[in-house]
Amino acid sequence: MSASILIVEDESDLSSVMADYVIAAGYTAKVIADGREALASVQRNVPDLIVLDIMLPSLDGLALCKAVREFSEVPIIMVTARVQEIDRLLGLESGADDYLCKPFSPRELVARIKAILRRARKPDDNAQLVKIDEAARSVRIRAQLLDLTPTEYSLLAAMVKRPGTIFSRAQLLDLASRDNLDVTDRAIDSHIKNLRRKLAAVIPDAEAIHSVYGLGYRFEL
C-alpha cells in the first residue's frame, strides 16, 4: 500500500505541481488549502507524512504543526517563503522534521519525502548500535560505554531518541541549560565537538552527528 501524503498549501498552482510529483513517485496525495480543515483531517485520519506551508488561512502552519504534535509524531516537512533564521528556528521548534524554502524543486521535495519515510520505516538500527540507560544516564555505542558529562548525555540522548530529526541551537541550548544554568550558545558548538570526538573513538567508520547548515544538528548513523 502506497504512503499517503497530505499537502497543506493554499497556493493552488504550487500544490497541484507538488501533488503531481508525489503521485508520480508512487504515493497518494491529498491537498488541503486551509489550516483548520487540515487539522480536522489529520485528527480523523493521520497520513504517513505532511507537507505543510507556514502561511495558511484560518490556522497558520506553525500553530497547526504544534497542534498535530499533541497527538501524533507523523513526519512533517515545513515549506515557506520566509528565509530569516528566526523563522527556521520557529519551524523546527514547533516539531517539524525538515524544512524547505521557496522556491524549491519538486524533485527535491520528493527526495526529502523518500528519505524521511525510509528512516521512519526501516528497522531501528540505532537501537542495535546505541543503548541508552536513562536511570544511569549513560550511553553505550557498540557495547562501549561513553564517558559523557551530564550535558553531553542530555544532548546525545535527545538526538538518539529522534534519529534524523534536526535540533536547532535553541532546542539544544534548552536541553543543555537543564544541567548547567551558565551554559551559553557558543558552548553548544563545544559540546557537539566533544561528542563527535567521543563518538569517533568508538565508531571511526561513521559520522553520527551531522551539521545542517543554518538549521542545527541531527543524529543519524
Protein backbone atom coordinates (compact mmCIF):
# COMPACT_ATOMS: atom_id res chain seq x y z
CA MET A 1 0.00 0.00 0.00
CA SER A 2 1.44 3.38 -1.02
CA ALA A 3 2.20 6.01 1.59
CA SER A 4 -0.32 8.82 1.99
CA ILE A 5 1.00 12.39 1.73
CA LEU A 6 -1.08 15.33 2.94
CA ILE A 7 -0.13 18.62 1.23
CA VAL A 8 -1.32 21.68 3.14
CA GLU A 9 -0.76 24.62 0.78
CA ASP A 10 -3.06 27.47 -0.27
CA GLU A 11 -1.21 28.34 -3.50
CA SER A 12 -3.21 26.19 -5.90
CA ASP A 13 -0.62 26.14 -8.71
CA LEU A 14 2.14 25.05 -6.35
CA SER A 15 0.04 22.45 -4.54
CA SER A 16 -1.03 20.98 -7.88
CA VAL A 17 2.58 20.59 -9.01
CA MET A 18 3.59 19.07 -5.68
CA ALA A 19 0.70 16.60 -5.82
CA ASP A 20 1.61 15.59 -9.38
CA TYR A 21 5.21 14.82 -8.39
CA VAL A 22 4.16 12.99 -5.23
CA ILE A 23 1.74 10.80 -7.20
CA ALA A 24 4.36 10.18 -9.90
CA ALA A 25 6.69 8.93 -7.16
CA GLY A 26 4.16 6.27 -6.24
CA TYR A 27 2.44 7.89 -3.26
CA THR A 28 -1.14 9.06 -2.77
CA ALA A 29 -1.66 12.80 -2.36
CA LYS A 30 -4.37 14.86 -0.71
CA VAL A 31 -4.35 18.67 -0.92
CA ILE A 32 -5.97 20.97 1.64
CA ALA A 33 -5.68 24.77 1.47
CA ASP A 34 -6.98 25.70 4.92
CA GLY A 35 -5.22 25.20 8.26
CA ARG A 36 -8.22 24.31 10.41
CA GLU A 37 -9.58 21.98 7.77
CA ALA A 38 -6.20 20.26 7.59
CA LEU A 39 -6.08 19.78 11.38
CA ALA A 40 -9.56 18.24 11.36
CA SER A 41 -8.49 15.91 8.54
CA VAL A 42 -5.38 14.75 10.41
CA GLN A 43 -7.42 14.20 13.57
CA ARG A 44 -9.74 11.90 11.59
CA ASN A 45 -7.02 10.06 9.68
CA VAL A 46 -3.28 10.59 10.25
CA PRO A 47 -1.35 10.44 6.93
CA ASP A 48 2.12 8.95 6.54
CA LEU A 49 3.68 12.41 6.02
CA ILE A 50 2.56 16.05 5.92
CA VAL A 51 3.96 18.76 3.65
CA LEU A 52 2.99 21.95 5.45
CA ASP A 53 3.14 25.59 4.33
CA ILE A 54 3.56 28.21 7.07
CA MET A 55 1.29 30.91 5.63
CA LEU A 56 -2.23 29.44 5.65
CA PRO A 57 -5.75 30.80 6.12
CA SER A 58 -7.55 30.34 9.50
CA LEU A 59 -4.65 28.50 11.21
CA ASP A 60 -1.01 29.05 10.25
CA GLY A 61 1.47 26.24 9.71
CA LEU A 62 3.36 26.75 12.96
CA ALA A 63 0.19 26.51 15.06
CA LEU A 64 -1.01 23.56 13.01
CA CYS A 65 2.30 21.74 13.45
CA LYS A 66 2.20 22.24 17.23
CA ALA A 67 -1.41 21.05 17.36
CA VAL A 68 -0.59 17.88 15.42
CA ARG A 69 2.37 17.18 17.69
CA GLU A 70 0.00 16.98 20.65
CA PHE A 71 -1.34 13.68 19.35
CA SER A 72 0.93 12.41 16.56
CA GLU A 73 4.59 12.02 15.58
CA VAL A 74 3.74 11.95 11.86
CA PRO A 75 6.72 13.32 9.85
CA ILE A 76 6.23 16.95 8.83
CA ILE A 77 8.11 18.91 6.16
CA MET A 78 7.54 22.65 6.51
CA VAL A 79 7.54 24.79 3.36
CA THR A 80 7.80 28.56 3.41
CA ALA A 81 8.99 31.65 1.58
CA ARG A 82 10.50 33.01 4.81
CA VAL A 83 14.26 32.70 4.95
CA GLN A 84 15.18 34.53 8.16
CA GLU A 85 16.94 32.48 10.82
CA ILE A 86 14.19 33.09 13.40
CA ASP A 87 11.61 31.55 11.09
CA ARG A 88 13.80 28.48 10.56
CA LEU A 89 14.14 28.03 14.31
CA LEU A 90 10.44 28.55 14.94
CA GLY A 91 9.61 25.98 12.30
CA LEU A 92 11.87 23.36 13.82
CA GLU A 93 10.85 24.07 17.42
CA SER A 94 7.21 23.59 16.51
CA GLY A 95 8.00 19.94 15.78
CA ALA A 96 8.88 19.88 12.07
CA ASP A 97 11.22 17.13 10.83
CA ASP A 98 12.53 19.03 7.80
CA TYR A 99 12.37 22.44 6.18
CA LEU A 100 12.19 23.68 2.59
CA CYS A 101 12.42 27.32 1.50
CA LYS A 102 10.60 28.53 -1.63
CA PRO A 103 11.36 28.39 -4.44
CA PHE A 104 12.36 24.73 -4.46
CA SER A 105 12.45 21.91 -6.96
CA PRO A 106 9.53 19.45 -6.71
CA ARG A 107 12.14 16.73 -7.25
CA GLU A 108 13.93 17.88 -4.10
CA LEU A 109 10.65 17.70 -2.19
CA VAL A 110 10.09 14.13 -3.35
CA ALA A 111 13.67 13.24 -2.40
CA ARG A 112 13.11 14.63 1.10
CA ILE A 113 9.84 12.70 1.40
CA LYS A 114 11.52 9.46 0.37
CA ALA A 115 14.39 9.96 2.81
CA ILE A 116 12.10 10.68 5.76
CA LEU A 117 9.77 7.76 5.03
CA ARG A 118 12.74 5.45 4.58
CA ARG A 119 14.09 6.44 8.02
CA ALA A 120 10.66 6.02 9.58
CA ARG A 121 10.07 2.56 8.17
CA LYS A 122 13.47 0.88 8.29
CA PRO A 123 14.32 -1.30 11.29
CA ASP A 124 15.68 0.74 14.18
CA ASP A 125 19.37 0.22 13.51
CA ASN A 126 20.20 2.82 16.14
CA ALA A 127 18.53 0.65 18.79
CA GLN A 128 21.02 -2.11 17.92
CA LEU A 129 24.06 0.18 17.93
CA VAL A 130 23.12 2.63 20.67
CA LYS A 131 21.86 1.74 24.14
CA ILE A 132 20.58 4.46 26.44
CA ASP A 133 20.27 3.78 30.17
CA GLU A 134 18.10 6.61 31.46
CA ALA A 135 18.43 5.54 35.10
CA ALA A 136 22.22 5.61 34.94
CA ARG A 137 22.22 8.49 32.43
CA SER A 138 24.67 6.59 30.27
CA VAL A 139 25.07 5.77 26.58
CA ARG A 140 26.77 2.74 25.06
CA ILE A 141 27.81 2.57 21.39
CA ARG A 142 28.51 -0.95 20.14
CA ALA A 143 28.54 -2.02 23.80
CA GLN A 144 31.24 0.54 24.67
CA LEU A 145 30.36 2.98 27.44
CA LEU A 146 30.89 6.62 26.51
CA ASP A 147 32.49 8.91 29.10
CA LEU A 148 29.96 11.76 28.95
CA THR A 149 29.36 14.85 31.02
CA PRO A 150 25.75 15.36 32.20
CA THR A 151 25.19 17.96 29.48
CA GLU A 152 26.68 15.75 26.77
CA TYR A 153 24.39 12.92 27.89
CA SER A 154 21.31 15.16 27.69
CA LEU A 155 22.17 16.34 24.18
CA LEU A 156 23.13 12.94 22.79
CA ALA A 157 20.23 11.03 24.36
CA ALA A 158 17.70 13.51 22.96
CA MET A 159 19.14 13.25 19.44
CA VAL A 160 19.46 9.44 19.53
CA LYS A 161 15.79 9.11 20.50
CA ARG A 162 14.78 11.04 17.37
CA PRO A 163 17.26 9.97 14.66
CA GLY A 164 17.18 12.12 11.56
CA THR A 165 15.37 14.98 13.32
CA ILE A 166 17.08 18.36 13.14
CA PHE A 167 17.64 20.01 16.52
CA SER A 168 18.05 23.78 16.42
CA ARG A 169 20.60 25.60 18.55
CA ALA A 170 17.77 26.93 20.70
CA GLN A 171 16.49 23.43 21.38
CA LEU A 172 19.97 22.16 22.25
CA LEU A 173 20.59 25.20 24.42
CA ASP A 174 17.37 24.46 26.31
CA LEU A 175 18.46 20.85 26.87
CA ALA A 176 21.92 21.90 28.00
CA SER A 177 20.67 24.59 30.38
CA ARG A 178 18.76 21.97 32.37
CA ASP A 179 22.12 20.64 33.58
CA ASN A 180 24.07 23.89 33.63
CA LEU A 181 22.46 27.26 34.29
CA ASP A 182 25.53 29.06 32.92
CA VAL A 183 25.57 27.35 29.53
CA THR A 184 25.90 29.70 26.55
CA ASP A 185 25.00 29.47 22.89
CA ARG A 186 28.68 29.23 21.97
CA ALA A 187 29.07 26.30 24.37
CA ILE A 188 26.74 24.21 22.21
CA ASP A 189 29.40 24.04 19.49
CA SER A 190 31.93 22.91 22.08
CA HIS A 191 29.61 20.18 23.39
CA ILE A 192 28.91 18.94 19.87
CA LYS A 193 32.63 18.92 19.07
CA ASN A 194 33.35 16.85 22.18
CA LEU A 195 30.52 14.45 21.40
CA ARG A 196 31.80 13.94 17.86
CA ARG A 197 35.28 13.20 19.19
CA LYS A 198 33.98 10.65 21.70
CA LEU A 199 31.70 9.00 19.13
CA ALA A 200 34.52 8.83 16.58
CA ALA A 201 36.62 6.91 19.10
CA VAL A 202 34.12 4.03 19.08
CA ILE A 203 32.66 4.36 15.56
CA PRO A 204 35.51 5.72 13.41
CA ASP A 205 33.82 4.40 10.28
CA ALA A 206 30.75 6.62 10.50
CA GLU A 207 29.75 10.21 11.21
CA ALA A 208 26.93 10.23 13.74
CA ILE A 209 26.20 13.92 14.35
CA HIS A 210 25.58 15.88 11.17
CA SER A 211 25.54 19.66 10.77
CA VAL A 212 22.59 21.06 8.81
CA TYR A 213 23.58 24.47 7.51
CA GLY A 214 21.54 27.28 9.04
CA LEU A 215 19.32 24.90 10.99
CA GLY A 216 21.19 22.85 13.59
CA TYR A 217 22.32 19.27 14.10
CA ARG A 218 20.87 15.78 13.61
CA PHE A 219 21.93 12.31 14.74
CA GLU A 220 21.93 9.57 12.10
CA LEU A 221 24.13 6.52 11.55
